[in-house]
Amino acid sequence: MVSYYAHLDKNNVVTQVVTGVDETETIEGLPAVDWYTNFTGMKNVVTYIDDPKKTYAGIGFVYDEATKDFIAPIEIVGE
């Protein structure tokens, strides 16, 4: 099984989403999410594509620490 990891910048904005090992696995003795954080030098969080209670991350989405979910960017139309 695979998991999806969102790379976050310093403002918790998603810069990339990648497929990786299952979140329950370890890599080099670390939980997968911690290993990806160390490897990329950016905070990583798991995003769920098949959980109807969660928002799947996309580039530009913001990770909300309180809800452990992603917020879509606001699109401004017709100025």
N, C-alpha and C. Protein backbone atom coordinates (compact mmCIF):
# COMPACT_ATOMS: atom_id res chain seq x y z
N MET A 1 0.84 -1.18 0.00
CA MET A 1 0.00 0.00 0.00
C MET A 1 0.88 1.25 0.00
N VAL A 2 0.38 2.32 -0.57
CA VAL A 2 1.13 3.57 -0.62
C VAL A 2 0.40 4.64 0.17
N SER A 3 1.12 5.68 0.48
CA SER A 3 0.54 6.88 1.09
C SER A 3 0.96 8.07 0.26
N TYR A 4 0.27 9.18 0.46
CA TYR A 4 0.56 10.41 -0.26
C TYR A 4 1.04 11.45 0.74
N TYR A 5 2.14 12.09 0.41
CA TYR A 5 2.78 13.05 1.31
C TYR A 5 2.77 14.44 0.68
N ALA A 6 2.30 15.42 1.46
CA ALA A 6 2.31 16.81 1.02
C ALA A 6 3.53 17.48 1.62
N HIS A 7 4.34 18.10 0.76
CA HIS A 7 5.48 18.90 1.22
C HIS A 7 4.97 20.30 1.49
N LEU A 8 5.29 20.83 2.67
CA LEU A 8 4.80 22.14 3.09
C LEU A 8 5.94 23.14 3.21
N ASP A 9 5.68 24.37 2.78
CA ASP A 9 6.68 25.41 3.00
C ASP A 9 6.53 25.95 4.43
N LYS A 10 7.27 27.00 4.74
CA LYS A 10 7.26 27.52 6.12
C LYS A 10 5.91 28.09 6.54
N ASN A 11 5.02 28.36 5.58
CA ASN A 11 3.69 28.88 5.88
C ASN A 11 2.61 27.80 5.79
N ASN A 12 3.04 26.54 5.76
CA ASN A 12 2.14 25.39 5.65
C ASN A 12 1.39 25.33 4.32
N VAL A 13 1.97 25.93 3.29
CA VAL A 13 1.39 25.87 1.95
C VAL A 13 2.01 24.68 1.22
N VAL A 14 1.16 23.89 0.56
CA VAL A 14 1.62 22.70 -0.16
C VAL A 14 2.39 23.12 -1.41
N THR A 15 3.61 22.60 -1.53
CA THR A 15 4.43 22.88 -2.71
C THR A 15 4.49 21.69 -3.66
N GLN A 16 4.21 20.50 -3.13
CA GLN A 16 4.26 19.29 -3.94
C GLN A 16 3.57 18.17 -3.17
N VAL A 17 2.96 17.24 -3.92
CA VAL A 17 2.39 16.04 -3.32
C VAL A 17 3.03 14.85 -4.02
N VAL A 18 3.54 13.90 -3.23
CA VAL A 18 4.23 12.74 -3.81
C VAL A 18 3.67 11.44 -3.24
N THR A 19 3.83 10.40 -4.00
CA THR A 19 3.49 9.06 -3.55
C THR A 19 4.69 8.47 -2.84
N GLY A 20 4.46 7.83 -1.70
CA GLY A 20 5.56 7.22 -0.95
C GLY A 20 5.13 5.93 -0.30
N VAL A 21 5.98 5.43 0.55
CA VAL A 21 5.68 4.18 1.26
C VAL A 21 4.49 4.40 2.19
N ASP A 22 3.86 3.31 2.58
CA ASP A 22 2.74 3.38 3.51
C ASP A 22 3.15 4.12 4.77
N GLU A 23 2.27 4.95 5.26
CA GLU A 23 2.60 5.78 6.42
C GLU A 23 2.91 4.98 7.68
N THR A 24 2.51 3.72 7.72
CA THR A 24 2.78 2.88 8.90
C THR A 24 4.17 2.26 8.85
N GLU A 25 4.85 2.38 7.73
CA GLU A 25 6.20 1.80 7.59
C GLU A 25 7.26 2.74 8.15
N THR A 26 8.44 2.18 8.34
CA THR A 26 9.59 3.00 8.73
C THR A 26 10.62 2.96 7.62
N ILE A 27 11.42 4.00 7.55
CA ILE A 27 12.53 4.07 6.61
C ILE A 27 13.76 4.41 7.44
N GLU A 28 14.77 3.57 7.36
CA GLU A 28 16.00 3.77 8.13
C GLU A 28 15.69 4.00 9.61
N GLY A 29 14.69 3.30 10.12
CA GLY A 29 14.35 3.35 11.53
C GLY A 29 13.44 4.50 11.93
N LEU A 30 13.07 5.36 10.99
CA LEU A 30 12.19 6.50 11.29
C LEU A 30 10.80 6.27 10.73
N PRO A 31 9.77 6.83 11.39
CA PRO A 31 8.45 6.80 10.77
C PRO A 31 8.55 7.48 9.40
N ALA A 32 7.80 6.96 8.44
CA ALA A 32 7.93 7.45 7.06
C ALA A 32 7.79 8.96 6.95
N VAL A 33 6.82 9.56 7.62
CA VAL A 33 6.62 11.00 7.50
C VAL A 33 7.83 11.77 8.02
N ASP A 34 8.46 11.28 9.07
CA ASP A 34 9.67 11.93 9.59
C ASP A 34 10.83 11.79 8.62
N TRP A 35 10.95 10.61 8.01
CA TRP A 35 12.03 10.39 7.04
C TRP A 35 11.86 11.35 5.86
N TYR A 36 10.63 11.48 5.34
CA TYR A 36 10.41 12.40 4.21
C TYR A 36 10.70 13.84 4.61
N THR A 37 10.36 14.21 5.83
CA THR A 37 10.67 15.56 6.31
C THR A 37 12.18 15.79 6.32
N ASN A 38 12.92 14.83 6.85
CA ASN A 38 14.39 14.95 6.87
C ASN A 38 14.96 14.97 5.46
N PHE A 39 14.44 14.11 4.58
CA PHE A 39 14.96 13.98 3.23
C PHE A 39 14.74 15.25 2.41
N THR A 40 13.55 15.85 2.55
CA THR A 40 13.22 17.03 1.74
C THR A 40 13.64 18.34 2.40
N GLY A 41 13.84 18.31 3.72
CA GLY A 41 14.13 19.55 4.43
C GLY A 41 12.89 20.41 4.60
N MET A 42 11.73 19.84 4.34
CA MET A 42 10.45 20.54 4.47
C MET A 42 9.54 19.69 5.35
N LYS A 43 8.61 20.33 6.03
CA LYS A 43 7.61 19.57 6.78
C LYS A 43 6.78 18.76 5.79
N ASN A 44 6.49 17.52 6.15
CA ASN A 44 5.65 16.65 5.34
C ASN A 44 4.50 16.15 6.20
N VAL A 45 3.33 16.06 5.60
CA VAL A 45 2.17 15.46 6.26
C VAL A 45 1.50 14.54 5.26
N VAL A 46 0.82 13.55 5.80
CA VAL A 46 0.10 12.60 4.94
C VAL A 46 -1.21 13.24 4.52
N THR A 47 -1.57 13.05 3.25
CA THR A 47 -2.87 13.50 2.74
C THR A 47 -3.61 12.29 2.21
N TYR A 48 -4.90 12.28 2.40
CA TYR A 48 -5.69 11.08 2.10
C TYR A 48 -6.59 11.31 0.89
N ILE A 49 -6.42 10.47 -0.12
CA ILE A 49 -7.21 10.58 -1.33
C ILE A 49 -8.56 9.88 -1.19
N ASP A 50 -8.66 8.94 -0.26
CA ASP A 50 -9.86 8.12 -0.16
C ASP A 50 -10.61 8.30 1.16
N ASP A 51 -10.41 9.40 1.84
CA ASP A 51 -11.10 9.67 3.10
C ASP A 51 -12.09 10.81 2.87
N PRO A 52 -13.39 10.50 2.85
CA PRO A 52 -14.38 11.53 2.58
C PRO A 52 -14.45 12.64 3.64
N LYS A 53 -13.82 12.42 4.79
CA LYS A 53 -13.82 13.43 5.85
C LYS A 53 -12.63 14.37 5.76
N LYS A 54 -11.72 14.10 4.83
CA LYS A 54 -10.51 14.91 4.68
C LYS A 54 -10.40 15.45 3.26
N THR A 55 -9.70 16.56 3.12
CA THR A 55 -9.45 17.17 1.82
C THR A 55 -8.10 16.70 1.31
N TYR A 56 -8.08 16.14 0.10
CA TYR A 56 -6.82 15.71 -0.51
C TYR A 56 -6.03 16.96 -0.89
N ALA A 57 -4.77 17.02 -0.53
CA ALA A 57 -3.95 18.21 -0.76
C ALA A 57 -3.64 18.42 -2.24
N GLY A 58 -3.53 19.67 -2.59
CA GLY A 58 -3.08 20.07 -3.92
C GLY A 58 -2.10 21.21 -3.75
N ILE A 59 -1.33 21.48 -4.78
CA ILE A 59 -0.37 22.59 -4.72
C ILE A 59 -1.13 23.89 -4.45
N GLY A 60 -0.65 24.64 -3.48
CA GLY A 60 -1.28 25.90 -3.10
C GLY A 60 -2.27 25.77 -1.96
N PHE A 61 -2.65 24.55 -1.60
CA PHE A 61 -3.54 24.35 -0.45
C PHE A 61 -2.76 24.66 0.82
N VAL A 62 -3.48 25.02 1.87
CA VAL A 62 -2.85 25.33 3.16
C VAL A 62 -3.22 24.24 4.16
N TYR A 63 -2.22 23.75 4.89
CA TYR A 63 -2.45 22.75 5.92
C TYR A 63 -2.83 23.44 7.21
N ASP A 64 -3.97 23.05 7.78
CA ASP A 64 -4.46 23.60 9.04
C ASP A 64 -4.09 22.64 10.17
N GLU A 65 -3.20 23.08 11.04
CA GLU A 65 -2.73 22.25 12.15
C GLU A 65 -3.88 21.85 13.08
N ALA A 66 -4.83 22.75 13.31
CA ALA A 66 -5.91 22.49 14.25
C ALA A 66 -6.84 21.37 13.78
N THR A 67 -7.17 21.38 12.49
CA THR A 67 -8.10 20.38 11.96
C THR A 67 -7.39 19.19 11.33
N LYS A 68 -6.07 19.32 11.15
CA LYS A 68 -5.28 18.28 10.47
C LYS A 68 -5.85 18.03 9.07
N ASP A 69 -6.23 19.12 8.39
CA ASP A 69 -6.81 19.02 7.06
C ASP A 69 -6.28 20.16 6.20
N PHE A 70 -6.59 20.09 4.92
CA PHE A 70 -6.11 21.07 3.95
C PHE A 70 -7.24 22.00 3.51
N ILE A 71 -6.89 23.25 3.30
CA ILE A 71 -7.85 24.27 2.87
C ILE A 71 -7.46 24.68 1.46
N ALA A 72 -8.42 24.62 0.56
CA ALA A 72 -8.16 25.01 -0.83
C ALA A 72 -7.93 26.51 -0.93
N PRO A 73 -7.08 26.94 -1.87
CA PRO A 73 -6.86 28.37 -2.04
C PRO A 73 -8.14 29.04 -2.53
N ILE A 74 -8.30 30.30 -2.19
CA ILE A 74 -9.47 31.06 -2.63
C ILE A 74 -9.18 31.60 -4.04
N GLU A 75 -10.11 31.34 -4.92
CA GLU A 75 -9.95 31.82 -6.30
C GLU A 75 -10.74 33.12 -6.45
N ILE A 76 -10.06 34.16 -6.88
CA ILE A 76 -10.71 35.45 -7.11
C ILE A 76 -11.02 35.55 -8.59
N VAL A 77 -12.30 35.75 -8.89
CA VAL A 77 -12.74 35.78 -10.28
C VAL A 77 -13.20 37.18 -10.65
N GLY A 78 -12.79 37.63 -11.83
CA GLY A 78 -13.28 38.86 -12.42
C GLY A 78 -13.08 40.14 -11.64
N GLU A 79 -11.88 40.58 -11.55
CA GLU A 79 -11.64 41.87 -10.89
C GLU A 79 -11.68 42.96 -11.90
